[in-house]
N, C-alpha and C. Protein backbone atom coordinates (compact mmCIF):
# COMPACT_ATOMS: atom_id res chain seq x y z
N UNK A 1 15.26 -6.27 5.01
CA UNK A 1 14.39 -5.13 5.25
C UNK A 1 13.67 -5.34 6.58
N UNK A 2 13.60 -4.28 7.36
CA UNK A 2 12.85 -4.28 8.60
C UNK A 2 11.46 -3.70 8.31
N UNK A 3 10.41 -4.41 8.70
CA UNK A 3 9.04 -3.92 8.51
C UNK A 3 8.48 -3.53 9.86
N UNK A 4 7.92 -2.33 9.91
CA UNK A 4 7.35 -1.83 11.16
C UNK A 4 6.15 -0.93 10.86
N UNK A 5 5.45 -0.57 11.92
CA UNK A 5 4.29 0.32 11.80
C UNK A 5 4.78 1.75 11.56
N UNK A 6 4.07 2.46 10.71
CA UNK A 6 4.34 3.87 10.41
C UNK A 6 4.38 4.68 11.70
N UNK A 7 5.31 5.61 11.76
CA UNK A 7 5.43 6.57 12.85
C UNK A 7 5.33 7.96 12.24
N UNK A 8 4.79 8.90 12.98
CA UNK A 8 4.60 10.25 12.45
C UNK A 8 5.89 10.85 11.89
N UNK A 9 7.02 10.50 12.46
CA UNK A 9 8.30 11.00 11.95
C UNK A 9 8.60 10.49 10.53
N UNK A 10 7.85 9.49 10.08
CA UNK A 10 8.05 8.90 8.75
C UNK A 10 7.32 9.67 7.64
N UNK A 11 6.43 10.57 8.01
CA UNK A 11 5.52 11.20 7.05
C UNK A 11 6.23 11.76 5.82
N UNK A 12 7.20 12.62 6.01
CA UNK A 12 7.87 13.26 4.88
C UNK A 12 8.52 12.23 3.96
N UNK A 13 9.21 11.27 4.55
CA UNK A 13 9.88 10.23 3.76
C UNK A 13 8.89 9.36 2.99
N UNK A 14 7.76 9.05 3.62
CA UNK A 14 6.76 8.22 2.95
C UNK A 14 6.15 8.97 1.77
N UNK A 15 5.83 10.24 1.95
CA UNK A 15 5.27 11.02 0.84
C UNK A 15 6.30 11.14 -0.29
N UNK A 16 7.54 11.34 0.05
CA UNK A 16 8.59 11.38 -0.98
C UNK A 16 8.69 10.05 -1.71
N UNK A 17 8.54 8.95 -0.99
CA UNK A 17 8.55 7.62 -1.60
C UNK A 17 7.39 7.49 -2.58
N UNK A 18 6.19 7.87 -2.14
CA UNK A 18 5.02 7.78 -3.02
C UNK A 18 5.21 8.62 -4.27
N UNK A 19 5.79 9.80 -4.10
CA UNK A 19 6.04 10.65 -5.27
C UNK A 19 7.06 10.01 -6.21
N UNK A 20 8.11 9.42 -5.65
CA UNK A 20 9.13 8.76 -6.47
C UNK A 20 8.54 7.58 -7.24
N UNK A 21 7.51 6.96 -6.69
CA UNK A 21 6.86 5.81 -7.32
C UNK A 21 5.63 6.21 -8.14
N UNK A 22 5.41 7.52 -8.30
CA UNK A 22 4.30 8.04 -9.09
C UNK A 22 2.93 7.57 -8.58
N UNK A 23 2.78 7.52 -7.27
CA UNK A 23 1.52 7.09 -6.67
C UNK A 23 0.61 8.25 -6.29
N UNK A 24 1.13 9.45 -6.24
CA UNK A 24 0.29 10.58 -5.83
C UNK A 24 -0.47 11.13 -7.04
N UNK A 25 -1.62 11.68 -6.75
CA UNK A 25 -2.47 12.31 -7.76
C UNK A 25 -2.98 13.63 -7.21
N UNK A 26 -3.19 14.62 -8.07
CA UNK A 26 -3.61 15.94 -7.60
C UNK A 26 -4.91 15.93 -6.78
N UNK A 27 -5.79 15.00 -7.06
CA UNK A 27 -7.08 14.96 -6.37
C UNK A 27 -7.03 14.19 -5.05
N UNK A 28 -5.90 13.57 -4.72
CA UNK A 28 -5.72 12.88 -3.44
C UNK A 28 -4.57 13.51 -2.69
N UNK A 29 -4.86 14.10 -1.56
CA UNK A 29 -3.81 14.67 -0.73
C UNK A 29 -3.12 13.56 0.05
N UNK A 30 -1.82 13.33 -0.17
CA UNK A 30 -1.14 12.29 0.59
C UNK A 30 -1.15 12.56 2.10
N UNK A 31 -1.05 13.83 2.48
CA UNK A 31 -1.12 14.16 3.90
C UNK A 31 -2.48 13.77 4.49
N UNK A 32 -3.54 14.08 3.78
CA UNK A 32 -4.88 13.73 4.26
C UNK A 32 -5.06 12.21 4.28
N UNK A 33 -4.51 11.52 3.26
CA UNK A 33 -4.61 10.05 3.26
C UNK A 33 -3.89 9.46 4.47
N UNK A 34 -2.74 10.01 4.81
CA UNK A 34 -2.03 9.55 6.02
C UNK A 34 -2.83 9.88 7.27
N UNK A 35 -3.36 11.10 7.36
CA UNK A 35 -4.17 11.48 8.52
C UNK A 35 -5.34 10.51 8.71
N UNK A 36 -5.99 10.16 7.61
CA UNK A 36 -7.14 9.25 7.69
C UNK A 36 -6.70 7.86 8.14
N UNK A 37 -5.59 7.39 7.59
CA UNK A 37 -5.15 6.04 7.91
C UNK A 37 -4.74 5.91 9.37
N UNK A 38 -4.08 6.89 9.92
CA UNK A 38 -3.64 6.76 11.31
C UNK A 38 -4.81 6.87 12.30
N UNK A 39 -5.99 7.23 11.78
CA UNK A 39 -7.19 7.23 12.61
C UNK A 39 -7.92 5.89 12.57
N UNK A 40 -7.59 5.05 11.58
CA UNK A 40 -8.29 3.78 11.41
C UNK A 40 -7.28 2.69 11.06
N UNK A 41 -7.16 1.72 11.89
CA UNK A 41 -6.23 0.60 11.72
C UNK A 41 -4.79 1.08 11.45
N UNK A 42 -4.26 1.95 12.31
CA UNK A 42 -2.88 2.43 12.09
C UNK A 42 -1.86 1.30 12.13
N UNK A 43 -2.19 0.20 12.78
CA UNK A 43 -1.27 -0.94 12.84
C UNK A 43 -1.11 -1.62 11.48
N UNK A 44 -1.95 -1.25 10.52
CA UNK A 44 -1.84 -1.81 9.17
C UNK A 44 -1.24 -0.81 8.17
N UNK A 45 -0.66 0.25 8.69
CA UNK A 45 0.09 1.20 7.86
C UNK A 45 1.56 0.90 8.13
N UNK A 46 2.23 0.32 7.14
CA UNK A 46 3.56 -0.24 7.35
C UNK A 46 4.62 0.46 6.51
N UNK A 47 5.82 0.47 7.04
CA UNK A 47 6.98 0.94 6.28
C UNK A 47 8.06 -0.13 6.36
N UNK A 48 8.86 -0.18 5.31
CA UNK A 48 10.02 -1.06 5.28
C UNK A 48 11.27 -0.20 5.27
N UNK A 49 12.24 -0.57 6.09
CA UNK A 49 13.47 0.22 6.18
C UNK A 49 14.71 -0.64 5.92
N UNK A 50 15.71 0.02 5.39
CA UNK A 50 17.07 -0.53 5.26
C UNK A 50 17.99 0.52 5.84
N UNK A 51 18.80 0.13 6.79
CA UNK A 51 19.73 1.07 7.43
C UNK A 51 19.00 2.34 7.89
N UNK A 52 17.84 2.16 8.50
CA UNK A 52 17.03 3.25 9.06
C UNK A 52 16.38 4.15 8.00
N UNK A 53 16.55 3.84 6.72
CA UNK A 53 15.97 4.64 5.65
C UNK A 53 14.74 3.94 5.10
N UNK A 54 13.64 4.68 4.96
CA UNK A 54 12.41 4.10 4.44
C UNK A 54 12.57 3.83 2.95
N UNK A 55 12.37 2.56 2.58
CA UNK A 55 12.44 2.18 1.17
C UNK A 55 11.13 1.59 0.66
N UNK A 56 10.17 1.36 1.58
CA UNK A 56 8.91 0.74 1.17
C UNK A 56 7.79 1.18 2.10
N UNK A 57 6.57 1.10 1.60
CA UNK A 57 5.40 1.39 2.42
C UNK A 57 4.19 0.66 1.87
N UNK A 58 3.18 0.53 2.70
CA UNK A 58 1.88 0.00 2.28
C UNK A 58 0.84 0.35 3.32
N UNK A 59 -0.35 0.68 2.84
CA UNK A 59 -1.51 0.87 3.70
C UNK A 59 -2.42 -0.33 3.47
N UNK A 60 -2.60 -1.15 4.48
CA UNK A 60 -3.50 -2.29 4.38
C UNK A 60 -4.74 -2.01 5.22
N UNK A 61 -5.78 -2.77 4.96
CA UNK A 61 -7.00 -2.62 5.73
C UNK A 61 -7.82 -3.90 5.68
N UNK A 62 -8.74 -4.02 6.63
CA UNK A 62 -9.67 -5.15 6.66
C UNK A 62 -10.96 -4.65 7.25
N UNK A 63 -12.04 -4.83 6.51
CA UNK A 63 -13.34 -4.32 6.95
C UNK A 63 -14.26 -5.40 7.50
N UNK A 64 -13.74 -6.60 7.72
CA UNK A 64 -14.56 -7.70 8.20
C UNK A 64 -15.05 -8.58 7.06
N UNK A 65 -14.92 -8.11 5.84
CA UNK A 65 -15.34 -8.88 4.66
C UNK A 65 -14.17 -9.11 3.71
N UNK A 66 -13.45 -8.03 3.38
CA UNK A 66 -12.33 -8.11 2.46
C UNK A 66 -11.17 -7.26 2.97
N UNK A 67 -9.98 -7.66 2.58
CA UNK A 67 -8.80 -6.87 2.87
C UNK A 67 -8.45 -6.03 1.66
N UNK A 68 -7.62 -5.03 1.91
CA UNK A 68 -7.19 -4.15 0.83
C UNK A 68 -5.75 -3.71 1.07
N UNK A 69 -5.11 -3.29 -0.01
CA UNK A 69 -3.78 -2.71 0.08
C UNK A 69 -3.73 -1.52 -0.87
N UNK A 70 -3.26 -0.41 -0.35
CA UNK A 70 -3.06 0.80 -1.13
C UNK A 70 -1.66 1.33 -0.84
N UNK A 71 -1.16 2.16 -1.73
CA UNK A 71 0.14 2.81 -1.55
C UNK A 71 1.27 1.82 -1.31
N UNK A 72 1.18 0.64 -1.92
CA UNK A 72 2.35 -0.25 -1.87
C UNK A 72 3.42 0.40 -2.74
N UNK A 73 4.55 0.69 -2.14
CA UNK A 73 5.62 1.39 -2.86
C UNK A 73 6.97 0.87 -2.41
N UNK A 74 7.88 0.78 -3.37
CA UNK A 74 9.28 0.45 -3.08
C UNK A 74 10.12 1.45 -3.86
N UNK A 75 11.10 2.05 -3.19
CA UNK A 75 11.97 3.01 -3.87
C UNK A 75 12.41 2.44 -5.22
N UNK A 76 12.35 3.24 -6.27
CA UNK A 76 12.71 2.72 -7.60
C UNK A 76 14.05 2.00 -7.65
N UNK A 77 15.07 2.51 -6.98
CA UNK A 77 16.38 1.85 -7.03
C UNK A 77 16.41 0.55 -6.23
N UNK A 78 15.37 0.29 -5.44
CA UNK A 78 15.30 -0.93 -4.64
C UNK A 78 14.30 -1.95 -5.21
N UNK A 79 13.65 -1.60 -6.31
CA UNK A 79 12.68 -2.50 -6.90
C UNK A 79 13.36 -3.70 -7.53
N UNK A 80 12.59 -4.76 -7.70
CA UNK A 80 13.05 -6.04 -8.29
C UNK A 80 14.10 -6.73 -7.43
N UNK A 81 14.07 -6.47 -6.13
CA UNK A 81 15.00 -7.12 -5.21
C UNK A 81 14.26 -7.94 -4.14
N UNK A 82 12.93 -8.06 -4.29
CA UNK A 82 12.15 -8.87 -3.37
C UNK A 82 11.51 -8.12 -2.22
N UNK A 83 11.75 -6.81 -2.12
CA UNK A 83 11.20 -6.06 -0.98
C UNK A 83 9.68 -5.91 -1.06
N UNK A 84 9.16 -5.69 -2.24
CA UNK A 84 7.70 -5.60 -2.41
C UNK A 84 7.03 -6.91 -2.06
N UNK A 85 7.60 -8.00 -2.52
CA UNK A 85 7.07 -9.32 -2.20
C UNK A 85 7.13 -9.58 -0.70
N UNK A 86 8.25 -9.22 -0.09
CA UNK A 86 8.40 -9.40 1.36
C UNK A 86 7.32 -8.64 2.12
N UNK A 87 7.06 -7.41 1.71
CA UNK A 87 6.03 -6.60 2.36
C UNK A 87 4.65 -7.21 2.15
N UNK A 88 4.36 -7.69 0.94
CA UNK A 88 3.06 -8.30 0.68
C UNK A 88 2.87 -9.59 1.48
N UNK A 89 3.88 -10.41 1.59
CA UNK A 89 3.79 -11.63 2.40
C UNK A 89 3.49 -11.27 3.85
N UNK A 90 4.14 -10.24 4.34
CA UNK A 90 3.92 -9.77 5.72
C UNK A 90 2.47 -9.32 5.90
N UNK A 91 1.97 -8.52 4.93
CA UNK A 91 0.59 -8.03 4.99
C UNK A 91 -0.39 -9.20 4.93
N UNK A 92 -0.16 -10.13 4.02
CA UNK A 92 -1.04 -11.29 3.92
C UNK A 92 -1.10 -12.06 5.23
N UNK A 93 0.03 -12.19 5.90
CA UNK A 93 0.08 -12.87 7.19
C UNK A 93 -0.74 -12.12 8.24
N UNK A 94 -0.57 -10.80 8.30
CA UNK A 94 -1.34 -10.00 9.26
C UNK A 94 -2.84 -10.13 9.01
N UNK A 95 -3.23 -10.01 7.75
CA UNK A 95 -4.66 -10.07 7.42
C UNK A 95 -5.23 -11.47 7.66
N UNK A 96 -4.46 -12.50 7.38
CA UNK A 96 -4.91 -13.87 7.64
C UNK A 96 -5.16 -14.05 9.14
N UNK A 97 -4.27 -13.53 9.97
CA UNK A 97 -4.44 -13.63 11.43
C UNK A 97 -5.70 -12.91 11.89
N UNK A 98 -6.13 -11.88 11.15
CA UNK A 98 -7.36 -11.16 11.49
C UNK A 98 -8.60 -11.89 10.97
N UNK A 99 -8.41 -12.97 10.22
CA UNK A 99 -9.54 -13.73 9.67
C UNK A 99 -9.98 -13.26 8.30
N UNK A 100 -9.16 -12.48 7.64
CA UNK A 100 -9.49 -11.93 6.32
C UNK A 100 -9.47 -13.05 5.27
N UNK A 101 -10.63 -13.32 4.61
CA UNK A 101 -10.66 -14.42 3.66
C UNK A 101 -10.15 -14.08 2.26
N UNK A 102 -10.12 -12.80 1.90
CA UNK A 102 -9.72 -12.42 0.53
C UNK A 102 -9.17 -11.01 0.55
N UNK A 103 -8.15 -10.80 -0.28
CA UNK A 103 -7.52 -9.50 -0.39
C UNK A 103 -7.80 -8.94 -1.78
N UNK A 104 -8.35 -7.74 -1.84
CA UNK A 104 -8.61 -7.05 -3.10
C UNK A 104 -7.63 -5.91 -3.24
N UNK A 105 -7.07 -5.77 -4.43
CA UNK A 105 -6.11 -4.71 -4.69
C UNK A 105 -6.53 -3.97 -5.95
N UNK A 106 -6.54 -2.65 -5.87
CA UNK A 106 -6.89 -1.82 -7.02
C UNK A 106 -5.59 -1.34 -7.66
N UNK A 107 -5.44 -1.62 -8.95
CA UNK A 107 -4.27 -1.20 -9.71
C UNK A 107 -4.77 -0.56 -11.00
N UNK A 108 -4.20 0.59 -11.34
CA UNK A 108 -4.57 1.20 -12.62
C UNK A 108 -4.24 0.24 -13.75
N UNK A 109 -5.16 0.08 -14.70
CA UNK A 109 -4.95 -0.86 -15.80
C UNK A 109 -3.74 -0.49 -16.64
N UNK A 110 -3.35 0.77 -16.62
CA UNK A 110 -2.18 1.20 -17.39
C UNK A 110 -0.86 0.84 -16.71
N UNK A 111 -0.91 0.40 -15.46
CA UNK A 111 0.30 0.10 -14.71
C UNK A 111 0.69 -1.38 -14.89
N UNK A 112 1.15 -1.69 -16.08
CA UNK A 112 1.44 -3.07 -16.47
C UNK A 112 2.51 -3.69 -15.56
N UNK A 113 3.52 -2.92 -15.20
CA UNK A 113 4.60 -3.44 -14.35
C UNK A 113 4.06 -3.94 -13.00
N UNK A 114 3.17 -3.16 -12.41
CA UNK A 114 2.60 -3.54 -11.10
C UNK A 114 1.64 -4.71 -11.26
N UNK A 115 0.87 -4.74 -12.34
CA UNK A 115 -0.02 -5.88 -12.58
C UNK A 115 0.79 -7.17 -12.71
N UNK A 116 1.94 -7.11 -13.37
CA UNK A 116 2.81 -8.29 -13.48
C UNK A 116 3.36 -8.68 -12.11
N UNK A 117 3.74 -7.68 -11.31
CA UNK A 117 4.24 -7.95 -9.96
C UNK A 117 3.21 -8.75 -9.17
N UNK A 118 1.97 -8.27 -9.14
CA UNK A 118 0.93 -8.97 -8.39
C UNK A 118 0.62 -10.34 -9.00
N UNK A 119 0.68 -10.44 -10.32
CA UNK A 119 0.46 -11.73 -10.97
C UNK A 119 1.47 -12.76 -10.51
N UNK A 120 2.73 -12.35 -10.35
CA UNK A 120 3.78 -13.26 -9.86
C UNK A 120 3.52 -13.70 -8.42
N UNK A 121 2.74 -12.89 -7.69
CA UNK A 121 2.41 -13.23 -6.30
C UNK A 121 1.14 -14.06 -6.19
N UNK A 122 0.53 -14.38 -7.34
CA UNK A 122 -0.66 -15.23 -7.33
C UNK A 122 -1.98 -14.48 -7.43
N UNK A 123 -1.92 -13.18 -7.62
CA UNK A 123 -3.14 -12.40 -7.77
C UNK A 123 -3.60 -12.44 -9.22
N UNK A 124 -4.91 -12.43 -9.41
CA UNK A 124 -5.45 -12.44 -10.77
C UNK A 124 -6.64 -11.48 -10.83
N UNK A 125 -6.94 -11.00 -12.02
CA UNK A 125 -8.07 -10.06 -12.16
C UNK A 125 -9.39 -10.70 -11.74
N UNK A 126 -10.21 -9.95 -11.05
CA UNK A 126 -11.57 -10.36 -10.73
C UNK A 126 -12.49 -9.77 -11.79
N UNK A 127 -13.60 -10.43 -12.01
CA UNK A 127 -14.57 -9.95 -12.99
C UNK A 127 -15.48 -8.91 -12.31
N UNK A 128 -14.89 -7.75 -12.04
CA UNK A 128 -15.62 -6.66 -11.38
C UNK A 128 -15.23 -5.34 -12.02
N UNK A 129 -16.04 -4.34 -11.77
CA UNK A 129 -15.70 -2.97 -12.17
C UNK A 129 -15.45 -2.19 -10.89
N UNK A 130 -14.37 -1.47 -10.86
CA UNK A 130 -14.10 -0.60 -9.72
C UNK A 130 -14.79 0.73 -9.97
N UNK A 131 -15.70 1.08 -9.09
CA UNK A 131 -16.41 2.35 -9.23
C UNK A 131 -16.21 3.15 -7.96
N UNK A 132 -16.32 4.44 -8.04
CA UNK A 132 -16.09 5.27 -6.87
C UNK A 132 -16.89 6.54 -6.90
N UNK A 133 -16.99 7.14 -5.74
CA UNK A 133 -17.68 8.41 -5.59
C UNK A 133 -16.97 9.17 -4.47
N UNK A 134 -16.50 10.36 -4.76
CA UNK A 134 -15.80 11.18 -3.78
C UNK A 134 -16.84 11.73 -2.80
N UNK A 135 -16.68 11.44 -1.52
CA UNK A 135 -17.57 11.94 -0.47
C UNK A 135 -17.01 13.18 0.21
N UNK A 136 -15.70 13.25 0.33
CA UNK A 136 -15.04 14.40 0.96
C UNK A 136 -13.92 14.84 0.04
N UNK A 137 -14.06 15.99 -0.60
CA UNK A 137 -12.98 16.46 -1.51
C UNK A 137 -11.71 16.78 -0.74
N UNK A 138 -10.56 16.45 -1.33
CA UNK A 138 -9.28 16.77 -0.73
C UNK A 138 -8.81 18.18 -1.11
N UNK A 139 -9.30 18.69 -2.22
CA UNK A 139 -8.84 20.00 -2.69
C UNK A 139 -9.68 21.12 -2.12
């Protein structure tokens, strides 16, 4: 897999990937999420390709205190082949070079498959509650 920075020409394929992986939600506009990401740390918005076709993506970030990863996705037919792990290792390397001491990842508790994936990569639950407040509605 080739890993590179997102390009605007990737938008449609990335949104289709997120939909195929059931990552989109009615209250989050994927187009707006992409617009926001390319305005802030666009070098941490990554896609993975095979034969020029996008099969993976991830939005990473670092705020000076903690790193984050959202929209980690691998095409369903390409899952369990190491591509997700490869992308996460790449992200961890980028964030480490930026001085990021810890990476936090938010996963829905109902997504057992993804929780197992991260567990195999050495991630474990933190004793925290994820809370949120919408500041700018997407709808």
